[in-house]
Protein backbone atom coordinates (compact mmCIF):
# COMPACT_ATOMS: atom_id res chain seq x y z
CA MET A 1 -34.83 -77.83 40.80
CA GLY A 2 -34.15 -74.17 41.58
CA PHE A 3 -37.87 -73.36 41.67
CA GLU A 4 -38.62 -76.25 44.04
CA ILE A 5 -35.85 -75.15 46.41
CA SER A 6 -37.16 -71.56 46.37
CA LEU A 7 -40.72 -72.76 47.02
CA LEU A 8 -39.60 -74.97 49.90
CA THR A 9 -37.59 -72.12 51.40
CA ALA A 10 -40.58 -69.75 51.23
CA MET A 11 -42.81 -72.39 52.80
CA MET A 12 -40.46 -72.87 55.77
CA ILE A 13 -40.18 -69.10 56.29
CA SER A 14 -44.00 -69.03 56.47
CA ILE A 15 -43.84 -71.77 59.09
CA ILE A 16 -41.49 -69.65 61.23
CA GLY A 17 -43.84 -66.67 60.87
CA SER A 18 -46.94 -68.64 61.83
CA LEU A 19 -45.21 -70.34 64.78
CA SER A 20 -44.12 -66.91 66.03
CA LEU A 21 -47.76 -65.78 66.01
CA ASN A 22 -48.78 -69.06 67.64
CA LEU A 23 -46.73 -68.10 70.71
CA ILE A 24 -48.82 -64.95 71.13
CA THR A 25 -52.26 -66.01 69.91
CA GLY A 26 -52.20 -69.78 70.27
CA PHE A 27 -50.30 -70.14 73.53
CA CYS A 28 -51.23 -66.91 75.35
CA GLY A 29 -54.59 -66.10 73.77
CA GLN A 30 -53.63 -62.56 72.68
CA VAL A 31 -55.22 -62.00 69.27
CA SER A 32 -52.85 -60.11 66.95
CA LEU A 33 -54.08 -58.83 63.60
CA GLY A 34 -50.92 -56.92 62.75
CA HIS A 35 -48.22 -59.52 63.27
CA VAL A 36 -46.74 -59.11 59.81
CA ALA A 37 -45.60 -55.59 60.82
CA PHE A 38 -42.94 -57.25 63.00
CA VAL A 39 -41.97 -59.48 60.10
CA GLY A 40 -41.53 -56.25 58.15
CA ILE A 41 -39.39 -54.68 60.88
CA GLY A 42 -37.05 -57.67 60.78
CA ALA A 43 -36.98 -57.61 56.97
CA TYR A 44 -36.21 -53.90 56.63
CA THR A 45 -33.63 -53.94 59.44
CA ALA A 46 -31.72 -56.95 58.15
CA SER A 47 -31.79 -55.86 54.50
CA LEU A 48 -30.65 -52.28 55.19
CA MET A 49 -27.85 -53.52 57.42
CA THR A 50 -26.51 -56.02 54.91
CA LYS A 51 -26.68 -53.29 52.24
CA ALA A 52 -24.47 -51.28 54.60
CA ALA A 53 -21.91 -54.14 54.48
CA ILE A 54 -22.83 -55.52 57.92
CA PRO A 55 -22.50 -59.35 58.07
CA PHE A 56 -25.68 -61.28 57.31
CA PHE A 57 -25.96 -63.12 60.63
CA ALA A 58 -25.40 -59.94 62.65
CA ALA A 59 -28.11 -58.21 60.59
CA LEU A 60 -30.46 -61.15 61.17
CA VAL A 61 -30.00 -60.95 64.94
CA ALA A 62 -30.40 -57.15 64.89
CA GLY A 63 -33.71 -57.54 63.05
CA MET A 64 -34.91 -59.99 65.71
CA ILE A 65 -33.90 -57.66 68.54
CA LEU A 66 -35.53 -54.58 67.01
CA ALA A 67 -38.73 -56.48 66.23
CA GLY A 68 -38.76 -57.78 69.82
CA ILE A 69 -38.30 -54.25 71.22
CA PHE A 70 -41.23 -52.96 69.19
CA GLY A 71 -43.18 -56.03 70.26
CA ILE A 72 -42.64 -55.12 73.92
CA ILE A 73 -43.72 -51.53 73.20
CA VAL A 74 -46.91 -52.74 71.53
CA GLY A 75 -47.41 -55.22 74.37
CA LEU A 76 -47.13 -52.44 76.96
CA ALA A 77 -49.64 -50.34 75.02
CA SER A 78 -52.00 -53.32 74.82
CA LEU A 79 -51.99 -54.39 78.47
CA ARG A 80 -55.23 -52.57 79.25
CA VAL A 81 -57.18 -53.93 76.29
CA ARG A 82 -58.49 -57.42 75.58
CA HIS A 83 -60.24 -59.49 72.95
CA ASP A 84 -61.80 -57.32 70.20
CA PHE A 85 -60.06 -54.15 71.39
CA LEU A 86 -56.70 -55.93 71.39
CA ALA A 87 -57.33 -57.16 67.85
CA ILE A 88 -58.16 -53.63 66.70
CA THR A 89 -55.08 -52.21 68.43
CA THR A 90 -52.72 -54.71 66.80
CA MET A 91 -54.42 -54.21 63.44
CA GLY A 92 -53.63 -50.50 63.80
CA VAL A 93 -49.96 -51.37 64.28
CA ASN A 94 -49.90 -52.94 60.83
CA PHE A 95 -51.33 -49.81 59.19
CA VAL A 96 -49.00 -47.51 61.15
CA PHE A 97 -46.02 -49.56 59.97
CA LEU A 98 -47.18 -49.43 56.34
CA GLY A 99 -47.80 -45.70 56.51
CA PHE A 100 -44.38 -45.09 58.03
CA VAL A 101 -42.31 -47.10 55.53
CA ARG A 102 -44.22 -45.61 52.59
CA GLN A 103 -43.30 -42.08 53.68
CA GLN A 104 -39.61 -42.68 54.44
CA GLU A 105 -37.24 -42.24 51.52
CA TRP A 106 -34.37 -43.86 53.43
CA LEU A 107 -36.54 -47.00 53.59
CA GLY A 108 -37.19 -46.83 49.86
CA GLY A 109 -40.70 -45.40 50.16
CA GLU A 110 -43.21 -47.03 47.83
CA LEU A 111 -40.39 -48.58 45.81
CA GLY A 112 -39.00 -50.51 48.76
CA VAL A 113 -35.52 -51.95 49.12
CA SER A 114 -33.97 -53.70 46.12
CA SER A 115 -30.66 -55.41 45.39
CA ILE A 116 -30.49 -56.94 48.87
CA PRO A 117 -27.09 -58.68 49.11
CA ASP A 118 -26.88 -62.43 48.69
CA PRO A 119 -25.95 -64.09 52.03
CA GLY A 120 -23.41 -66.13 50.07
CA LEU A 121 -24.69 -69.51 51.19
CA GLY A 122 -26.07 -70.70 47.87
CA LYS A 123 -29.64 -71.89 47.46
CA LEU A 124 -29.10 -75.20 49.21
CA GLY A 125 -27.08 -73.58 51.98
CA PHE A 126 -29.77 -70.97 52.58
CA LEU A 127 -32.43 -73.70 52.56
CA ALA A 128 -30.42 -75.59 55.19
CA LEU A 129 -30.19 -72.42 57.29
CA VAL A 130 -33.95 -71.82 57.11
CA PHE A 131 -34.64 -75.47 57.94
CA GLY A 132 -32.33 -75.20 60.95
CA CYS A 133 -34.25 -72.10 62.09
CA VAL A 134 -37.54 -74.00 61.74
CA VAL A 135 -36.17 -76.82 63.90
CA LEU A 136 -34.98 -74.37 66.56
CA VAL A 137 -38.33 -72.53 66.61
CA VAL A 138 -40.21 -75.85 66.90
CA LEU A 139 -37.96 -76.98 69.76
CA LEU A 140 -38.41 -73.64 71.50
CA SER A 141 -42.20 -73.87 71.11
CA VAL A 142 -42.25 -77.42 72.48
CA GLN A 143 -40.04 -76.44 75.42
CA ILE A 144 -42.21 -73.44 76.27
CA ARG A 145 -45.42 -75.46 76.07
CA ARG A 146 -44.03 -78.11 78.44
CA SER A 147 -42.54 -75.60 80.88
CA TRP A 148 -44.05 -73.63 83.74
CA MET A 149 -44.31 -70.67 81.37
CA GLY A 150 -46.46 -72.72 79.02
CA TYR A 151 -48.91 -73.54 81.83
CA VAL A 152 -49.07 -69.85 82.75
CA PHE A 153 -49.72 -68.94 79.10
CA LYS A 154 -52.54 -71.49 78.99
CA ALA A 155 -54.06 -70.11 82.19
CA ILE A 156 -53.98 -66.57 80.77
CA SER A 157 -55.47 -67.77 77.51
CA GLU A 158 -58.39 -69.47 79.25
CA ASP A 159 -59.17 -66.80 81.86
CA GLU A 160 -56.97 -63.77 82.58
CA ASP A 161 -58.93 -62.74 85.68
CA THR A 162 -58.66 -66.15 87.31
CA ALA A 163 -54.95 -66.34 86.47
CA SER A 164 -54.45 -62.95 88.13
CA MET A 165 -56.42 -64.03 91.22
CA LEU A 166 -54.10 -67.04 91.53
CA GLY A 167 -51.18 -64.63 91.91
CA LEU A 168 -49.78 -64.86 88.40
CA ASP A 169 -48.24 -61.70 86.96
CA VAL A 170 -50.43 -61.63 83.85
CA SER A 171 -48.91 -58.43 82.45
CA GLN A 172 -45.37 -59.78 82.71
CA TYR A 173 -46.17 -63.03 80.92
CA LYS A 174 -48.15 -61.26 78.20
CA LEU A 175 -45.09 -59.07 77.55
CA ILE A 176 -42.88 -62.16 77.42
CA ALA A 177 -45.21 -63.71 74.84
CA PHE A 178 -45.12 -60.53 72.73
CA ALA A 179 -41.33 -60.28 73.02
CA LEU A 180 -40.72 -63.89 72.01
CA GLY A 181 -43.33 -63.95 69.24
CA THR A 182 -42.29 -60.67 67.63
CA SER A 183 -38.58 -61.53 67.83
CA LEU A 184 -39.22 -64.73 65.90
CA ALA A 185 -41.35 -62.74 63.46
CA GLY A 186 -38.28 -60.53 62.94
CA LEU A 187 -36.26 -63.67 62.19
CA ALA A 188 -38.82 -64.71 59.56
CA GLY A 189 -38.63 -61.21 58.06
CA GLY A 190 -34.84 -61.19 57.83
CA LEU A 191 -34.83 -64.58 56.15
CA TYR A 192 -37.62 -63.56 53.79
CA ALA A 193 -35.83 -60.37 52.71
CA HIS A 194 -32.65 -62.25 51.85
CA HIS A 195 -34.61 -64.99 50.13
CA VAL A 196 -36.53 -62.75 47.71
CA ARG A 197 -33.83 -59.98 47.81
CA PHE A 198 -36.45 -57.29 47.23
CA ILE A 199 -39.04 -55.95 49.66
CA TYR A 200 -41.59 -53.16 49.47
CA PRO A 201 -44.50 -52.03 51.71
CA ASP A 202 -47.11 -54.30 50.12
CA SER A 203 -44.95 -57.30 51.06
CA PHE A 204 -46.26 -56.68 54.59
CA ALA A 205 -49.82 -55.58 53.86
CA PHE A 206 -52.73 -56.38 56.18
CA VAL A 207 -53.72 -59.38 54.06
CA GLU A 208 -50.43 -61.03 55.04
CA SER A 209 -51.35 -60.67 58.73
CA ILE A 210 -54.65 -62.40 57.95
CA THR A 211 -52.70 -65.13 56.18
CA LEU A 212 -50.56 -65.76 59.27
CA LEU A 213 -53.64 -65.74 61.51
CA ALA A 214 -55.38 -68.20 59.16
CA MET A 215 -52.39 -70.55 59.43
CA VAL A 216 -52.63 -70.51 63.23
CA VAL A 217 -56.43 -70.85 63.43
CA VAL A 218 -56.69 -73.53 60.73
CA GLY A 219 -53.85 -75.49 62.31
CA GLY A 220 -55.38 -75.12 65.77
CA ASN A 221 -54.59 -72.44 68.34
CA GLY A 222 -51.66 -73.62 70.43
CA SER A 223 -50.98 -76.71 68.30
CA ILE A 224 -47.42 -76.77 66.99
CA TRP A 225 -47.76 -79.55 64.42
CA GLY A 226 -51.20 -78.38 63.34
CA VAL A 227 -49.85 -74.90 62.62
CA ILE A 228 -46.92 -76.36 60.68
CA LEU A 229 -49.26 -78.42 58.46
CA ALA A 230 -51.65 -75.50 57.91
CA SER A 231 -48.73 -73.18 57.11
CA ALA A 232 -47.31 -75.60 54.57
CA PHE A 233 -50.69 -76.05 52.90
CA LEU A 234 -51.72 -72.38 52.81
CA SER A 235 -48.30 -71.20 51.62
CA LEU A 236 -48.36 -73.70 48.74
CA LEU A 237 -52.02 -73.07 47.84
CA PRO A 238 -51.31 -69.93 45.72
CA GLN A 239 -48.77 -71.96 43.74
CA TRP A 240 -51.34 -74.62 42.93
CA PHE A 241 -54.16 -72.19 42.17
CA GLN A 242 -53.06 -68.82 40.81
CA PHE A 243 -56.43 -67.13 41.50
CA VAL A 244 -55.82 -67.50 45.26
CA ASP A 245 -53.38 -64.56 45.18
CA ASP A 246 -56.05 -62.27 43.74
CA TYR A 247 -58.69 -63.23 46.29
CA LYS A 248 -56.47 -64.03 49.29
CA LEU A 249 -58.25 -61.75 51.79
CA LEU A 250 -61.68 -63.08 50.78
CA LEU A 251 -60.66 -66.74 50.76
CA TYR A 252 -58.63 -66.70 53.96
CA GLY A 253 -61.26 -64.60 55.73
CA SER A 254 -63.92 -67.10 54.71
CA LEU A 255 -61.65 -69.95 55.82
CA LEU A 256 -61.21 -68.32 59.24
CA PHE A 257 -64.98 -67.96 59.59
CA ALA A 258 -65.63 -71.56 58.54
CA VAL A 259 -63.04 -73.02 60.91
CA MET A 260 -64.18 -70.92 63.89
CA ARG A 261 -67.80 -71.87 63.18
CA PHE A 262 -67.52 -75.58 62.44
CA SER A 263 -64.17 -76.69 63.91
CA PRO A 264 -62.85 -74.19 66.50
CA GLY A 265 -59.93 -76.49 67.29
CA GLY A 266 -58.68 -76.41 63.71
CA LEU A 267 -56.84 -79.39 62.24
CA ALA A 268 -55.48 -80.36 65.65
CA GLY A 269 -58.95 -80.35 67.19
CA PHE A 270 -60.44 -82.33 64.31
CA ALA A 271 -57.63 -84.90 64.55
CA GLN A 272 -58.24 -85.25 68.29
CA LEU A 273 -61.95 -85.82 67.67
CA LEU A 274 -61.12 -88.61 65.22
CA ILE A 275 -58.69 -90.19 67.68
CA ASN A 276 -61.26 -90.07 70.48
CA HIS A 277 -63.93 -91.53 68.18
CA ASN A 278 -61.65 -94.41 67.16
CA ARG A 279 -60.80 -95.11 70.80
CA LYS A 280 -64.47 -95.23 71.75
CA SER A 281 -65.21 -97.52 68.79
CA SER A 282 -62.35 -99.86 69.74
CA LYS A 283 -63.44 -99.91 73.37
CA SER A 284 -67.04 -100.72 72.35
CA LYS A 285 -65.85 -103.63 70.21
CA VAL A 286 -63.72 -105.00 73.08
CA ASP A 287 -66.64 -104.72 75.54
CA LYS A 288 -68.86 -106.66 73.15
């Protein structure tokens, strides 16, 4: 029972991480290849603070805030670049983060941070907390997508130049997307650190950024439920097939290529195609 609870908790933390990237890449069209760096910022911040006897929930919020601040900084630095150049810039953020934490003894260096304090909620209590966070992130994503901001994000995603010509402050909304997405990534990091209670630089390696991106692309850019399903499947896949961990970068990279080539809309797009096909078939039968 303990293993199942731990697995379910890890899966839901992955869902929070992928939904946080979905706000940036799926909603706003800003490709980020270094998103796990912000997960790492939240993880290191929250774990070091709780080790310093600061209450767990205060540490969790502090990790979100710090990740959001760094997200805004990266967003400001990325305003003048788009598409491939933006992807390269954000990828660089991941490597800068890894290089920094590896060289800092106060962050544990290569050994990382161990003996992270137990939040004191018990396994079921912590699972309930993570589930509550998933619900809140889903509700926030739904609210944003249905709001004026969601329509602006969609306009920027489809054509930044046209959105700018219509009078929309593209730079401002891109920064908002980065701030929201990276803050939620910090939340995922804080929860992850206190779930596993041991973190080290390789916990936030580049392959993990590819994993988050694969969850978003396979689920369908901008699709909330598609991303949730893809996150659940891809986070459980290494548990079903142990070799996946050894070849994660190869397998997820190949999966990204296959989805972008044969089903650009991901699971959500494929489901919509099936729905449209069934509707056309039903309409044809009625006409006959």
